[in-house]
PDB file of N, CA and C in Angstrom:
ATOM      1  N   MET A   1       0.791  -1.297  -0.065  1.00  0.00           N
ATOM      2  CA  MET A   1      -0.102   0.087  -0.038  1.00  0.00           C
ATOM      3  C   MET A   1       0.938   1.356   0.037  1.00  0.00           C
ATOM      4  N   ASN A   2       0.555   2.293  -0.951  1.00  0.00           N
ATOM      5  CA  ASN A   2       1.191   3.429  -0.698  1.00  0.00           C
ATOM      6  C   ASN A   2       1.042   4.348   0.455  1.00  0.00           C
ATOM      7  N   LYS A   3       2.095   4.991   0.828  1.00  0.00           N
ATOM      8  CA  LYS A   3       1.954   6.009   1.796  1.00  0.00           C
ATOM      9  C   LYS A   3       0.999   7.189   1.382  1.00  0.00           C
ATOM     10  N   LYS A   4       0.210   7.525   2.405  1.00  0.00           N
ATOM     11  CA  LYS A   4      -0.713   8.728   1.983  1.00  0.00           C
ATOM     12  C   LYS A   4       0.218   9.968   2.513  1.00  0.00           C
ATOM     13  N   TYR A   5       0.652  10.734   1.538  1.00  0.00           N
ATOM     14  CA  TYR A   5       1.445  11.973   1.575  1.00  0.00           C
ATOM     15  C   TYR A   5       0.511  13.096   2.190  1.00  0.00           C
ATOM     16  N   ARG A   6       0.879  13.609   3.021  1.00  0.00           N
ATOM     17  CA  ARG A   6       0.580  14.981   3.404  1.00  0.00           C
ATOM     18  C   ARG A   6       1.100  16.285   3.149  1.00  0.00           C
ATOM     19  N   ILE A   7       0.264  17.149   2.536  1.00  0.00           N
ATOM     20  CA  ILE A   7       0.484  18.531   2.031  1.00  0.00           C
ATOM     21  C   ILE A   7      -0.005  19.509   2.856  1.00  0.00           C
ATOM     22  N   LEU A   8       0.751  20.646   3.066  1.00  0.00           N
ATOM     23  CA  LEU A   8       0.155  21.782   3.577  1.00  0.00           C
ATOM     24  C   LEU A   8       0.407  23.002   2.590  1.00  0.00           C
ATOM     25  N   ALA A   9      -0.730  23.579   2.207  1.00  0.00           N
ATOM     26  CA  ALA A   9      -0.857  24.622   1.369  1.00  0.00           C
ATOM     27  C   ALA A   9      -1.033  25.784   2.069  1.00  0.00           C
ATOM     28  N   VAL A  10      -0.222  27.128   1.740  1.00  0.00           N
ATOM     29  CA  VAL A  10      -0.394  28.214   2.564  1.00  0.00           C
ATOM     30  C   VAL A  10      -0.719  29.340   1.400  1.00  0.00           C
ATOM     31  N   ASP A  11      -1.748  29.941   1.415  1.00  0.00           N
ATOM     32  CA  ASP A  11      -1.957  30.849   0.344  1.00  0.00           C
ATOM     33  C   ASP A  11      -3.192  31.785   1.018  1.00  0.00           C
ATOM     34  N   ASP A  12      -3.090  33.183   0.902  1.00  0.00           N
ATOM     35  CA  ASP A  12      -3.953  34.117   1.451  1.00  0.00           C
ATOM     36  C   ASP A  12      -5.425  33.983   0.620  1.00  0.00           C
ATOM     37  N   ASN A  13      -5.214  33.451  -0.540  1.00  0.00           N
ATOM     38  CA  ASN A  13      -6.414  33.507  -1.418  1.00  0.00           C
ATOM     39  C   ASN A  13      -7.237  32.339  -1.307  1.00  0.00           C
ATOM     40  N   GLU A  14      -8.216  32.459  -0.735  1.00  0.00           N
ATOM     41  CA  GLU A  14      -9.066  31.002  -0.492  1.00  0.00           C
ATOM     42  C   GLU A  14      -9.347  30.261  -1.571  1.00  0.00           C
ATOM     43  N   ILE A  15      -9.642  30.943  -2.800  1.00  0.00           N
ATOM     44  CA  ILE A  15      -9.969  30.173  -3.967  1.00  0.00           C
ATOM     45  C   ILE A  15      -8.672  29.409  -4.515  1.00  0.00           C
ATOM     46  N   SER A  16      -7.515  30.006  -4.441  1.00  0.00           N
ATOM     47  CA  SER A  16      -6.375  29.060  -4.893  1.00  0.00           C
ATOM     48  C   SER A  16      -6.068  28.001  -3.918  1.00  0.00           C
ATOM     49  N   ASN A  17      -6.380  28.192  -2.626  1.00  0.00           N
ATOM     50  CA  ASN A  17      -6.316  27.036  -1.701  1.00  0.00           C
ATOM     51  C   ASN A  17      -7.287  25.911  -1.815  1.00  0.00           C
ATOM     52  N   GLU A  18      -8.423  26.140  -2.403  1.00  0.00           N
ATOM     53  CA  GLU A  18      -9.392  25.475  -2.682  1.00  0.00           C
ATOM     54  C   GLU A  18      -9.207  24.510  -4.020  1.00  0.00           C
ATOM     55  N   ILE A  19      -8.338  25.398  -4.922  1.00  0.00           N
ATOM     56  CA  ILE A  19      -7.737  24.740  -6.141  1.00  0.00           C
ATOM     57  C   ILE A  19      -6.762  23.556  -5.868  1.00  0.00           C
ATOM     58  N   LEU A  20      -5.789  24.162  -4.924  1.00  0.00           N
ATOM     59  CA  LEU A  20      -4.626  23.390  -4.454  1.00  0.00           C
ATOM     60  C   LEU A  20      -5.332  22.015  -3.982  1.00  0.00           C
ATOM     61  N   VAL A  21      -6.063  22.068  -2.970  1.00  0.00           N
ATOM     62  CA  VAL A  21      -6.738  21.249  -2.295  1.00  0.00           C
ATOM     63  C   VAL A  21      -7.546  20.205  -3.043  1.00  0.00           C
ATOM     64  N   ASP A  22      -8.340  20.610  -4.029  1.00  0.00           N
ATOM     65  CA  ASP A  22      -9.023  19.849  -4.939  1.00  0.00           C
ATOM     66  C   ASP A  22      -8.008  18.944  -5.902  1.00  0.00           C
ATOM     67  N   LEU A  23      -7.133  19.774  -6.470  1.00  0.00           N
ATOM     68  CA  LEU A  23      -6.248  19.107  -7.419  1.00  0.00           C
ATOM     69  C   LEU A  23      -5.378  17.959  -6.808  1.00  0.00           C
ATOM     70  N   PHE A  24      -4.567  18.264  -5.619  1.00  0.00           N
ATOM     71  CA  PHE A  24      -4.007  17.148  -4.991  1.00  0.00           C
ATOM     72  C   PHE A  24      -4.752  16.231  -4.320  1.00  0.00           C
ATOM     73  N   GLU A  25      -5.962  16.455  -3.704  1.00  0.00           N
ATOM     74  CA  GLU A  25      -6.953  15.222  -3.423  1.00  0.00           C
ATOM     75  C   GLU A  25      -7.274  14.432  -4.536  1.00  0.00           C
ATOM     76  N   SER A  26      -7.565  14.934  -5.578  1.00  0.00           N
ATOM     77  CA  SER A  26      -7.832  14.047  -7.063  1.00  0.00           C
ATOM     78  C   SER A  26      -6.814  13.069  -7.104  1.00  0.00           C
ATOM     79  N   MET A  27      -5.543  13.498  -6.599  1.00  0.00           N
ATOM     80  CA  MET A  27      -4.468  12.472  -7.005  1.00  0.00           C
ATOM     81  C   MET A  27      -4.170  11.766  -5.630  1.00  0.00           C
ATOM     82  N   ASP A  28      -5.077  11.768  -4.682  1.00  0.00           N
ATOM     83  CA  ASP A  28      -5.011  10.886  -3.446  1.00  0.00           C
ATOM     84  C   ASP A  28      -3.960  11.339  -2.438  1.00  0.00           C
ATOM     85  N   TYR A  29      -3.680  12.671  -2.356  1.00  0.00           N
ATOM     86  CA  TYR A  29      -3.002  12.899  -1.330  1.00  0.00           C
ATOM     87  C   TYR A  29      -3.654  13.524  -0.296  1.00  0.00           C
ATOM     88  N   LEU A  30      -3.429  13.763   0.909  1.00  0.00           N
ATOM     89  CA  LEU A  30      -3.902  14.415   1.927  1.00  0.00           C
ATOM     90  C   LEU A  30      -3.708  16.038   2.101  1.00  0.00           C
ATOM     91  N   VAL A  31      -4.514  16.870   2.000  1.00  0.00           N
ATOM     92  CA  VAL A  31      -4.042  18.325   1.957  1.00  0.00           C
ATOM     93  C   VAL A  31      -4.832  19.048   3.094  1.00  0.00           C
ATOM     94  N   ASP A  32      -4.016  19.858   3.703  1.00  0.00           N
ATOM     95  CA  ASP A  32      -4.556  21.006   4.444  1.00  0.00           C
ATOM     96  C   ASP A  32      -4.262  22.354   3.971  1.00  0.00           C
ATOM     97  N   ALA A  33      -5.133  23.233   4.215  1.00  0.00           N
ATOM     98  CA  ALA A  33      -4.721  24.427   3.465  1.00  0.00           C
ATOM     99  C   ALA A  33      -5.185  25.610   4.650  1.00  0.00           C
ATOM    100  N   VAL A  34      -4.092  26.641   4.678  1.00  0.00           N
ATOM    101  CA  VAL A  34      -4.459  27.663   5.519  1.00  0.00           C
ATOM    102  C   VAL A  34      -4.117  28.940   5.015  1.00  0.00           C
ATOM    103  N   LEU A  35      -4.654  30.152   5.402  1.00  0.00           N
ATOM    104  CA  LEU A  35      -4.658  31.362   4.583  1.00  0.00           C
ATOM    105  C   LEU A  35      -3.623  32.494   5.209  1.00  0.00           C
ATOM    106  N   ASN A  36      -3.043  32.019   6.169  1.00  0.00           N
ATOM    107  CA  ASN A  36      -1.796  32.857   6.579  1.00  0.00           C
ATOM    108  C   ASN A  36      -0.788  32.130   7.390  1.00  0.00           C
ATOM    109  N   ALA A  37       0.407  33.044   7.746  1.00  0.00           N
ATOM    110  CA  ALA A  37       1.634  32.375   8.293  1.00  0.00           C
ATOM    111  C   ALA A  37       1.348  31.972   9.637  1.00  0.00           C
ATOM    112  N   GLU A  38       0.441  32.638  10.324  1.00  0.00           N
ATOM    113  CA  GLU A  38       0.401  32.419  11.785  1.00  0.00           C
ATOM    114  C   GLU A  38      -0.456  31.001  11.880  1.00  0.00           C
ATOM    115  N   ASP A  39      -1.413  30.843  10.942  1.00  0.00           N
ATOM    116  CA  ASP A  39      -1.996  29.525  10.963  1.00  0.00           C
ATOM    117  C   ASP A  39      -0.986  28.269  10.465  1.00  0.00           C
ATOM    118  N   ALA A  40      -0.333  28.641   9.555  1.00  0.00           N
ATOM    119  CA  ALA A  40       0.756  27.628   9.279  1.00  0.00           C
ATOM    120  C   ALA A  40       1.677  27.215  10.132  1.00  0.00           C
ATOM    121  N   ILE A  41       2.241  28.264  11.120  1.00  0.00           N
ATOM    122  CA  ILE A  41       3.083  27.970  12.028  1.00  0.00           C
ATOM    123  C   ILE A  41       2.246  27.219  13.311  1.00  0.00           C
ATOM    124  N   ASN A  42       1.004  27.313  13.586  1.00  0.00           N
ATOM    125  CA  ASN A  42       0.110  26.729  14.394  1.00  0.00           C
ATOM    126  C   ASN A  42      -0.098  25.402  13.954  1.00  0.00           C
ATOM    127  N   ILE A  43      -0.518  25.130  12.932  1.00  0.00           N
ATOM    128  CA  ILE A  43      -0.832  23.690  12.349  1.00  0.00           C
ATOM    129  C   ILE A  43       0.337  22.864  12.339  1.00  0.00           C
ATOM    130  N   PHE A  44       1.598  23.411  12.128  1.00  0.00           N
ATOM    131  CA  PHE A  44       2.934  22.557  12.023  1.00  0.00           C
ATOM    132  C   PHE A  44       3.185  22.304  13.248  1.00  0.00           C
ATOM    133  N   LYS A  45       2.780  22.838  14.514  1.00  0.00           N
ATOM    134  CA  LYS A  45       2.900  22.425  15.788  1.00  0.00           C
ATOM    135  C   LYS A  45       2.160  21.215  16.034  1.00  0.00           C
ATOM    136  N   GLU A  46       1.077  21.016  15.299  1.00  0.00           N
ATOM    137  CA  GLU A  46       0.199  19.673  15.646  1.00  0.00           C
ATOM    138  C   GLU A  46       0.544  18.562  14.774  1.00  0.00           C
ATOM    139  N   ASP A  47       0.883  18.952  13.418  1.00  0.00           N
ATOM    140  CA  ASP A  47       0.789  17.906  12.414  1.00  0.00           C
ATOM    141  C   ASP A  47       2.032  17.702  11.485  1.00  0.00           C
ATOM    142  N   LYS A  48       2.155  16.582  10.991  1.00  0.00           N
ATOM    143  CA  LYS A  48       3.449  16.354  10.230  1.00  0.00           C
ATOM    144  C   LYS A  48       3.085  16.538   8.741  1.00  0.00           C
ATOM    145  N   TYR A  49       4.011  17.022   7.901  1.00  0.00           N
ATOM    146  CA  TYR A  49       3.710  17.003   6.412  1.00  0.00           C
ATOM    147  C   TYR A  49       4.863  16.767   5.690  1.00  0.00           C
ATOM    148  N   ASP A  50       4.715  16.120   4.425  1.00  0.00           N
ATOM    149  CA  ASP A  50       5.566  15.651   3.662  1.00  0.00           C
ATOM    150  C   ASP A  50       6.095  16.686   2.647  1.00  0.00           C
ATOM    151  N   LEU A  51       5.294  17.873   2.301  1.00  0.00           N
ATOM    152  CA  LEU A  51       5.519  18.735   1.525  1.00  0.00           C
ATOM    153  C   LEU A  51       4.866  20.114   1.916  1.00  0.00           C
ATOM    154  N   VAL A  52       5.371  21.217   1.836  1.00  0.00           N
ATOM    155  CA  VAL A  52       4.798  22.564   2.141  1.00  0.00           C
ATOM    156  C   VAL A  52       4.835  23.280   0.782  1.00  0.00           C
ATOM    157  N   ILE A  53       3.470  23.837   0.462  1.00  0.00           N
ATOM    158  CA  ILE A  53       3.648  24.672  -0.727  1.00  0.00           C
ATOM    159  C   ILE A  53       3.039  26.161  -0.161  1.00  0.00           C
ATOM    160  N   LEU A  54       4.093  27.156  -0.458  1.00  0.00           N
ATOM    161  CA  LEU A  54       3.772  28.542  -0.059  1.00  0.00           C
ATOM    162  C   LEU A  54       3.512  29.472  -1.247  1.00  0.00           C
ATOM    163  N   ASP A  55       2.729  30.370  -1.051  1.00  0.00           N
ATOM    164  CA  ASP A  55       2.478  31.528  -1.985  1.00  0.00           C
ATOM    165  C   ASP A  55       3.556  32.402  -1.507  1.00  0.00           C
ATOM    166  N   LEU A  56       4.108  33.153  -2.392  1.00  0.00           N
ATOM    167  CA  LEU A  56       5.042  34.141  -2.157  1.00  0.00           C
ATOM    168  C   LEU A  56       4.526  35.394  -1.417  1.00  0.00           C
ATOM    169  N   GLN A  57       3.454  35.848  -2.110  1.00  0.00           N
ATOM    170  CA  GLN A  57       2.683  37.278  -1.823  1.00  0.00           C
ATOM    171  C   GLN A  57       1.676  37.004  -0.970  1.00  0.00           C
ATOM    172  N   MET A  58       1.974  37.075   0.279  1.00  0.00           N
ATOM    173  CA  MET A  58       0.823  37.169   1.503  1.00  0.00           C
ATOM    174  C   MET A  58       1.143  38.455   2.402  1.00  0.00           C
ATOM    175  N   PRO A  59      -0.188  38.884   2.724  1.00  0.00           N
ATOM    176  CA  PRO A  59       0.022  40.153   3.621  1.00  0.00           C
ATOM    177  C   PRO A  59       0.686  39.646   5.082  1.00  0.00           C
ATOM    178  N   ILE A  60       1.173  40.668   5.796  1.00  0.00           N
ATOM    179  CA  ILE A  60       1.651  40.579   7.016  1.00  0.00           C
ATOM    180  C   ILE A  60       3.192  39.734   6.932  1.00  0.00           C
ATOM    181  N   ILE A  61       3.074  38.492   6.899  1.00  0.00           N
ATOM    182  CA  ILE A  61       4.376  37.607   6.609  1.00  0.00           C
ATOM    183  C   ILE A  61       4.110  37.062   5.308  1.00  0.00           C
ATOM    184  N   ASP A  62       5.040  37.297   4.442  1.00  0.00           N
ATOM    185  CA  ASP A  62       5.036  36.701   3.109  1.00  0.00           C
ATOM    186  C   ASP A  62       5.648  35.534   3.052  1.00  0.00           C
ATOM    187  N   GLY A  63       5.562  34.748   1.948  1.00  0.00           N
ATOM    188  CA  GLY A  63       5.959  33.446   1.807  1.00  0.00           C
ATOM    189  C   GLY A  63       7.544  33.187   2.131  1.00  0.00           C
ATOM    190  N   ILE A  64       8.419  33.985   1.669  1.00  0.00           N
ATOM    191  CA  ILE A  64       9.766  34.012   2.054  1.00  0.00           C
ATOM    192  C   ILE A  64      10.075  33.907   3.450  1.00  0.00           C
ATOM    193  N   ASP A  65       9.492  35.013   4.248  1.00  0.00           N
ATOM    194  CA  ASP A  65       9.647  35.080   5.505  1.00  0.00           C
ATOM    195  C   ASP A  65       9.146  33.825   6.471  1.00  0.00           C
ATOM    196  N   LEU A  66       7.871  33.351   5.781  1.00  0.00           N
ATOM    197  CA  LEU A  66       7.170  32.245   6.608  1.00  0.00           C
ATOM    198  C   LEU A  66       8.293  30.986   6.174  1.00  0.00           C
ATOM    199  N   MET A  67       8.612  30.774   5.191  1.00  0.00           N
ATOM    200  CA  MET A  67       9.765  29.844   4.891  1.00  0.00           C
ATOM    201  C   MET A  67      10.762  29.967   5.909  1.00  0.00           C
ATOM    202  N   LYS A  68      11.343  30.842   5.989  1.00  0.00           N
ATOM    203  CA  LYS A  68      12.454  31.187   6.941  1.00  0.00           C
ATOM    204  C   LYS A  68      12.069  30.875   8.522  1.00  0.00           C
ATOM    205  N   LEU A  69      10.991  31.207   8.952  1.00  0.00           N
ATOM    206  CA  LEU A  69      10.420  30.830  10.144  1.00  0.00           C
ATOM    207  C   LEU A  69      10.237  29.511  10.536  1.00  0.00           C
ATOM    208  N   LEU A  70       9.563  28.718   9.406  1.00  0.00           N
ATOM    209  CA  LEU A  70       9.379  27.493   9.616  1.00  0.00           C
ATOM    210  C   LEU A  70      10.635  26.643   9.716  1.00  0.00           C
ATOM    211  N   ARG A  71      11.592  27.005   8.755  1.00  0.00           N
ATOM    212  CA  ARG A  71      12.912  26.332   8.888  1.00  0.00           C
ATOM    213  C   ARG A  71      13.570  26.435  10.109  1.00  0.00           C
ATOM    214  N   GLN A  72      13.336  27.692  10.859  1.00  0.00           N
ATOM    215  CA  GLN A  72      14.152  27.947  12.263  1.00  0.00           C
ATOM    216  C   GLN A  72      13.390  27.227  13.252  1.00  0.00           C
ATOM    217  N   LYS A  73      12.015  26.870  13.124  1.00  0.00           N
ATOM    218  CA  LYS A  73      11.342  26.494  14.372  1.00  0.00           C
ATOM    219  C   LYS A  73      11.004  24.623  14.382  1.00  0.00           C
ATOM    220  N   PHE A  74      11.179  24.309  13.129  1.00  0.00           N
ATOM    221  CA  PHE A  74      10.580  22.970  12.737  1.00  0.00           C
ATOM    222  C   PHE A  74      11.726  22.244  11.920  1.00  0.00           C
ATOM    223  N   LYS A  75      11.840  20.913  11.949  1.00  0.00           N
ATOM    224  CA  LYS A  75      12.386  19.964  11.033  1.00  0.00           C
ATOM    225  C   LYS A  75      11.525  20.047   9.828  1.00  0.00           C
ATOM    226  N   MET A  76      11.968  20.584   8.604  1.00  0.00           N
ATOM    227  CA  MET A  76      10.942  20.690   7.697  1.00  0.00           C
ATOM    228  C   MET A  76      11.046  19.687   6.362  1.00  0.00           C
ATOM    229  N   PRO A  77      10.097  19.478   5.855  1.00  0.00           N
ATOM    230  CA  PRO A  77      10.026  18.608   4.641  1.00  0.00           C
ATOM    231  C   PRO A  77      10.435  19.712   3.574  1.00  0.00           C
ATOM    232  N   PRO A  78      10.398  19.325   2.268  1.00  0.00           N
ATOM    233  CA  PRO A  78      10.676  20.240   1.317  1.00  0.00           C
ATOM    234  C   PRO A  78       9.520  21.416   1.365  1.00  0.00           C
ATOM    235  N   ILE A  79      10.032  22.388   1.058  1.00  0.00           N
ATOM    236  CA  ILE A  79       9.161  23.680   0.948  1.00  0.00           C
ATOM    237  C   ILE A  79       9.193  24.289  -0.509  1.00  0.00           C
ATOM    238  N   VAL A  80       8.151  24.336  -1.231  1.00  0.00           N
ATOM    239  CA  VAL A  80       8.189  24.824  -2.650  1.00  0.00           C
ATOM    240  C   VAL A  80       7.356  26.228  -2.552  1.00  0.00           C
ATOM    241  N   ALA A  81       7.665  27.217  -3.522  1.00  0.00           N
ATOM    242  CA  ALA A  81       6.954  28.449  -3.654  1.00  0.00           C
ATOM    243  C   ALA A  81       6.224  28.450  -4.843  1.00  0.00           C
ATOM    244  N   LEU A  82       4.903  29.090  -4.733  1.00  0.00           N
ATOM    245  CA  LEU A  82       4.251  29.452  -5.996  1.00  0.00           C
ATOM    246  C   LEU A  82       4.449  30.918  -6.255  1.00  0.00           C
ATOM    247  N   SER A  83       4.646  31.128  -7.543  1.00  0.00           N
ATOM    248  CA  SER A  83       4.790  32.618  -7.885  1.00  0.00           C
ATOM    249  C   SER A  83       4.282  32.999  -9.151  1.00  0.00           C
ATOM    250  N   ALA A  84       3.551  34.044  -9.293  1.00  0.00           N
ATOM    251  CA  ALA A  84       3.224  34.832 -10.518  1.00  0.00           C
ATOM    252  C   ALA A  84       4.183  35.477 -11.350  1.00  0.00           C
ATOM    253  N   TYR A  85       5.332  35.643 -10.532  1.00  0.00           N
ATOM    254  CA  TYR A  85       6.519  36.377 -11.143  1.00  0.00           C
ATOM    255  C   TYR A  85       7.054  35.356 -12.329  1.00  0.00           C
ATOM    256  N   SER A  86       7.697  36.097 -13.324  1.00  0.00           N
ATOM    257  CA  SER A  86       8.518  35.364 -14.109  1.00  0.00           C
ATOM    258  C   SER A  86       9.509  34.360 -13.411  1.00  0.00           C
ATOM    259  N   MET A  87       9.561  33.189 -13.756  1.00  0.00           N
ATOM    260  CA  MET A  87      10.448  32.214 -13.191  1.00  0.00           C
ATOM    261  C   MET A  87      11.956  32.656 -13.411  1.00  0.00           C
ATOM    262  N   LEU A  88      12.301  33.165 -14.462  1.00  0.00           N
ATOM    263  CA  LEU A  88      13.728  33.490 -14.784  1.00  0.00           C
ATOM    264  C   LEU A  88      14.259  34.623 -13.860  1.00  0.00           C
ATOM    265  N   ASP A  89      13.316  35.457 -13.536  1.00  0.00           N
ATOM    266  CA  ASP A  89      13.675  36.698 -12.559  1.00  0.00           C
ATOM    267  C   ASP A  89      13.938  36.264 -11.100  1.00  0.00           C
ATOM    268  N   ILE A  90      13.279  35.249 -10.513  1.00  0.00           N
ATOM    269  CA  ILE A  90      13.303  34.935  -8.996  1.00  0.00           C
ATOM    270  C   ILE A  90      13.620  33.437  -8.941  1.00  0.00           C
ATOM    271  N   TYR A  91      13.854  32.694  -9.783  1.00  0.00           N
ATOM    272  CA  TYR A  91      14.118  31.293  -9.429  1.00  0.00           C
ATOM    273  C   TYR A  91      15.328  31.139  -8.724  1.00  0.00           C
ATOM    274  N   ALA A  92      16.439  31.537  -9.216  1.00  0.00           N
ATOM    275  CA  ALA A  92      17.767  31.433  -8.635  1.00  0.00           C
ATOM    276  C   ALA A  92      17.858  32.032  -7.180  1.00  0.00           C
ATOM    277  N   ASN A  93      17.197  33.285  -7.023  1.00  0.00           N
ATOM    278  CA  ASN A  93      17.249  34.005  -5.786  1.00  0.00           C
ATOM    279  C   ASN A  93      16.432  33.255  -4.691  1.00  0.00           C
ATOM    280  N   LEU A  94      15.237  32.634  -5.069  1.00  0.00           N
ATOM    281  CA  LEU A  94      14.587  31.928  -4.048  1.00  0.00           C
ATOM    282  C   LEU A  94      15.159  30.610  -3.648  1.00  0.00           C
ATOM    283  N   LYS A  95      15.838  30.048  -4.676  1.00  0.00           N
ATOM    284  CA  LYS A  95      16.661  28.857  -4.231  1.00  0.00           C
ATOM    285  C   LYS A  95      17.788  29.108  -3.158  1.00  0.00           C
ATOM    286  N   GLU A  96      18.441  30.171  -3.660  1.00  0.00           N
ATOM    287  CA  GLU A  96      19.409  30.708  -2.507  1.00  0.00           C
ATOM    288  C   GLU A  96      18.729  31.037  -1.217  1.00  0.00           C
ATOM    289  N   LEU A  97      17.604  31.581  -1.093  1.00  0.00           N
ATOM    290  CA  LEU A  97      17.058  31.870   0.118  1.00  0.00           C
ATOM    291  C   LEU A  97      16.556  30.557   1.076  1.00  0.00           C
ATOM    292  N   GLY A  98      16.389  29.332   0.319  1.00  0.00           N
ATOM    293  CA  GLY A  98      16.171  28.379   0.985  1.00  0.00           C
ATOM    294  C   GLY A  98      15.027  27.512   0.503  1.00  0.00           C
ATOM    295  N   PHE A  99      14.246  27.785  -0.788  1.00  0.00           N
ATOM    296  CA  PHE A  99      13.077  27.151  -1.132  1.00  0.00           C
ATOM    297  C   PHE A  99      13.920  25.979  -1.879  1.00  0.00           C
ATOM    298  N   ASP A 100      13.148  24.860  -1.817  1.00  0.00           N
ATOM    299  CA  ASP A 100      13.601  23.658  -2.359  1.00  0.00           C
ATOM    300  C   ASP A 100      13.207  23.631  -4.001  1.00  0.00           C
ATOM    301  N   GLY A 101      12.206  24.411  -4.289  1.00  0.00           N
ATOM    302  CA  GLY A 101      11.513  24.437  -5.499  1.00  0.00           C
ATOM    303  C   GLY A 101      10.571  25.505  -5.826  1.00  0.00           C
ATOM    304  N   VAL A 102      10.602  26.101  -7.142  1.00  0.00           N
ATOM    305  CA  VAL A 102       9.800  27.331  -7.386  1.00  0.00           C
ATOM    306  C   VAL A 102       8.775  26.843  -8.684  1.00  0.00           C
ATOM    307  N   TYR A 103       7.671  27.393  -8.474  1.00  0.00           N
ATOM    308  CA  TYR A 103       6.686  26.832  -9.462  1.00  0.00           C
ATOM    309  C   TYR A 103       5.817  28.074  -9.957  1.00  0.00           C
ATOM    310  N   LYS A 104       5.442  27.946 -11.142  1.00  0.00           N
ATOM    311  CA  LYS A 104       4.648  29.159 -11.645  1.00  0.00           C
ATOM    312  C   LYS A 104       3.002  29.020 -11.203  1.00  0.00           C
ATOM    313  N   ASN A 105       2.647  30.174 -10.823  1.00  0.00           N
ATOM    314  CA  ASN A 105       0.990  30.240 -10.455  1.00  0.00           C
ATOM    315  C   ASN A 105       0.515  31.032 -11.639  1.00  0.00           C
ATOM    316  N   PRO A 106      -0.759  30.666 -12.065  1.00  0.00           N
ATOM    317  CA  PRO A 106      -1.647  29.978 -11.438  1.00  0.00           C
ATOM    318  C   PRO A 106      -1.325  28.447 -11.610  1.00  0.00           C
ATOM    319  N   ILE A 107      -1.819  27.591 -10.633  1.00  0.00           N
ATOM    320  CA  ILE A 107      -1.285  26.113 -10.764  1.00  0.00           C
ATOM    321  C   ILE A 107      -2.544  25.446 -11.301  1.00  0.00           C
ATOM    322  N   ASP A 108      -2.426  24.279 -12.035  1.00  0.00           N
ATOM    323  CA  ASP A 108      -3.288  23.549 -12.847  1.00  0.00           C
ATOM    324  C   ASP A 108      -2.950  22.119 -12.465  1.00  0.00           C
ATOM    325  N   ALA A 109      -3.600  21.033 -12.986  1.00  0.00           N
ATOM    326  CA  ALA A 109      -3.541  19.625 -12.732  1.00  0.00           C
ATOM    327  C   ALA A 109      -2.124  19.326 -12.958  1.00  0.00           C
ATOM    328  N   GLU A 110      -1.608  19.598 -14.140  1.00  0.00           N
ATOM    329  CA  GLU A 110      -0.244  19.177 -14.744  1.00  0.00           C
ATOM    330  C   GLU A 110       0.874  19.756 -13.844  1.00  0.00           C
ATOM    331  N   MET A 111       0.618  20.786 -13.154  1.00  0.00           N
ATOM    332  CA  MET A 111       1.740  21.444 -12.343  1.00  0.00           C
ATOM    333  C   MET A 111       1.739  20.668 -11.215  1.00  0.00           C
ATOM    334  N   CYS A 112       0.576  20.256 -10.423  1.00  0.00           N
ATOM    335  CA  CYS A 112       0.512  19.502  -9.450  1.00  0.00           C
ATOM    336  C   CYS A 112       0.971  18.093  -9.549  1.00  0.00           C
ATOM    337  N   LYS A 113       0.985  17.529 -10.705  1.00  0.00           N
ATOM    338  CA  LYS A 113       1.569  16.226 -11.101  1.00  0.00           C
ATOM    339  C   LYS A 113       3.177  16.360 -11.038  1.00  0.00           C
ATOM    340  N   ILE A 114       3.695  17.580 -11.531  1.00  0.00           N
ATOM    341  CA  ILE A 114       5.038  17.660 -11.494  1.00  0.00           C
ATOM    342  C   ILE A 114       5.626  17.960 -10.241  1.00  0.00           C
ATOM    343  N   ILE A 115       4.877  18.827  -9.521  1.00  0.00           N
ATOM    344  CA  ILE A 115       5.201  18.849  -7.979  1.00  0.00           C
ATOM    345  C   ILE A 115       5.200  17.662  -7.241  1.00  0.00           C
ATOM    346  N   ALA A 116       4.188  16.868  -7.395  1.00  0.00           N
ATOM    347  CA  ALA A 116       4.269  15.593  -6.661  1.00  0.00           C
ATOM    348  C   ALA A 116       5.397  14.803  -7.039  1.00  0.00           C
ATOM    349  N   ASN A 117       5.537  14.532  -8.335  1.00  0.00           N
ATOM    350  CA  ASN A 117       6.629  13.882  -8.748  1.00  0.00           C
ATOM    351  C   ASN A 117       8.005  14.174  -8.477  1.00  0.00           C
ATOM    352  N   ASP A 118       8.171  15.550  -8.331  1.00  0.00           N
ATOM    353  CA  ASP A 118       9.416  16.093  -7.878  1.00  0.00           C
ATOM    354  C   ASP A 118       9.796  15.833  -6.601  1.00  0.00           C
ATOM    355  N   TRP A 119       8.618  16.112  -5.602  1.00  0.00           N
ATOM    356  CA  TRP A 119       8.829  16.044  -4.150  1.00  0.00           C
ATOM    357  C   TRP A 119       8.451  14.823  -3.533  1.00  0.00           C
ATOM    358  N   LEU A 120       7.404  14.156  -3.874  1.00  0.00           N
ATOM    359  CA  LEU A 120       6.728  13.205  -3.023  1.00  0.00           C
ATOM    360  C   LEU A 120       7.058  11.764  -3.774  1.00  0.00           C
ATOM    361  N   LYS A 121       7.164  11.599  -4.959  1.00  0.00           N
ATOM    362  CA  LYS A 121       7.277  10.542  -5.465  1.00  0.00           C
ATOM    363  C   LYS A 121       8.902  10.189  -5.514  1.00  0.00           C
ATOM    364  N   ALA A 122       9.618  11.146  -5.817  1.00  0.00           N
ATOM    365  CA  ALA A 122      10.853  11.100  -5.664  1.00  0.00           C
ATOM    366  C   ALA A 122      11.394  10.530  -4.482  1.00  0.00           C
ATOM    367  N   SER A 123      10.933  10.827  -3.296  1.00  0.00           N
ATOM    368  CA  SER A 123      11.189  10.463  -1.824  1.00  0.00           C
ATOM    369  C   SER A 123      11.066   9.062  -1.752  1.00  0.00           C
ATOM    370  N   GLU A 124      10.234   8.234  -2.666  1.00  0.00           N
ATOM    371  CA  GLU A 124       9.934   6.911  -2.372  1.00  0.00           C
ATOM    372  C   GLU A 124      11.351   6.282  -2.999  1.00  0.00           C
ATOM    373  N   LEU A 125      12.029   6.939  -3.991  1.00  0.00           N
ATOM    374  CA  LEU A 125      13.122   6.311  -4.572  1.00  0.00           C
ATOM    375  C   LEU A 125      14.230   6.142  -3.517  1.00  0.00           C
ATOM    376  N   LYS A 126      14.447   7.121  -2.421  1.00  0.00           N
ATOM    377  CA  LYS A 126      15.581   7.348  -1.796  1.00  0.00           C
ATOM    378  C   LYS A 126      15.597   6.238  -0.889  1.00  0.00           C
TER     379      LYS A 126
END
């Protein structure tokens, strides 16, 4: 039996979170979604995840600062960023800052498959 991977999605846009949840759950992953950094930190105290997906642009604490906070406080699984910015402009910088991967927003089913293959399925091979 395959392990049920758990994903935490953090995006201040409720519709974006619903899309992420629907897409990943349709691929048989367990997904929790929260709307802000504070909720992400609180839920991480209670649950364990195999992958964290962060929107970069959020009010109060953005995705970059949240990634840094999570890495300081917890033993973290891979953290990937979603961004509407041009990937060429920000990819190298975000990798240097500590993100494991960077993907283009808006997200679709194909991008979810790529993320799952890059970070969840690949861990099965290790």
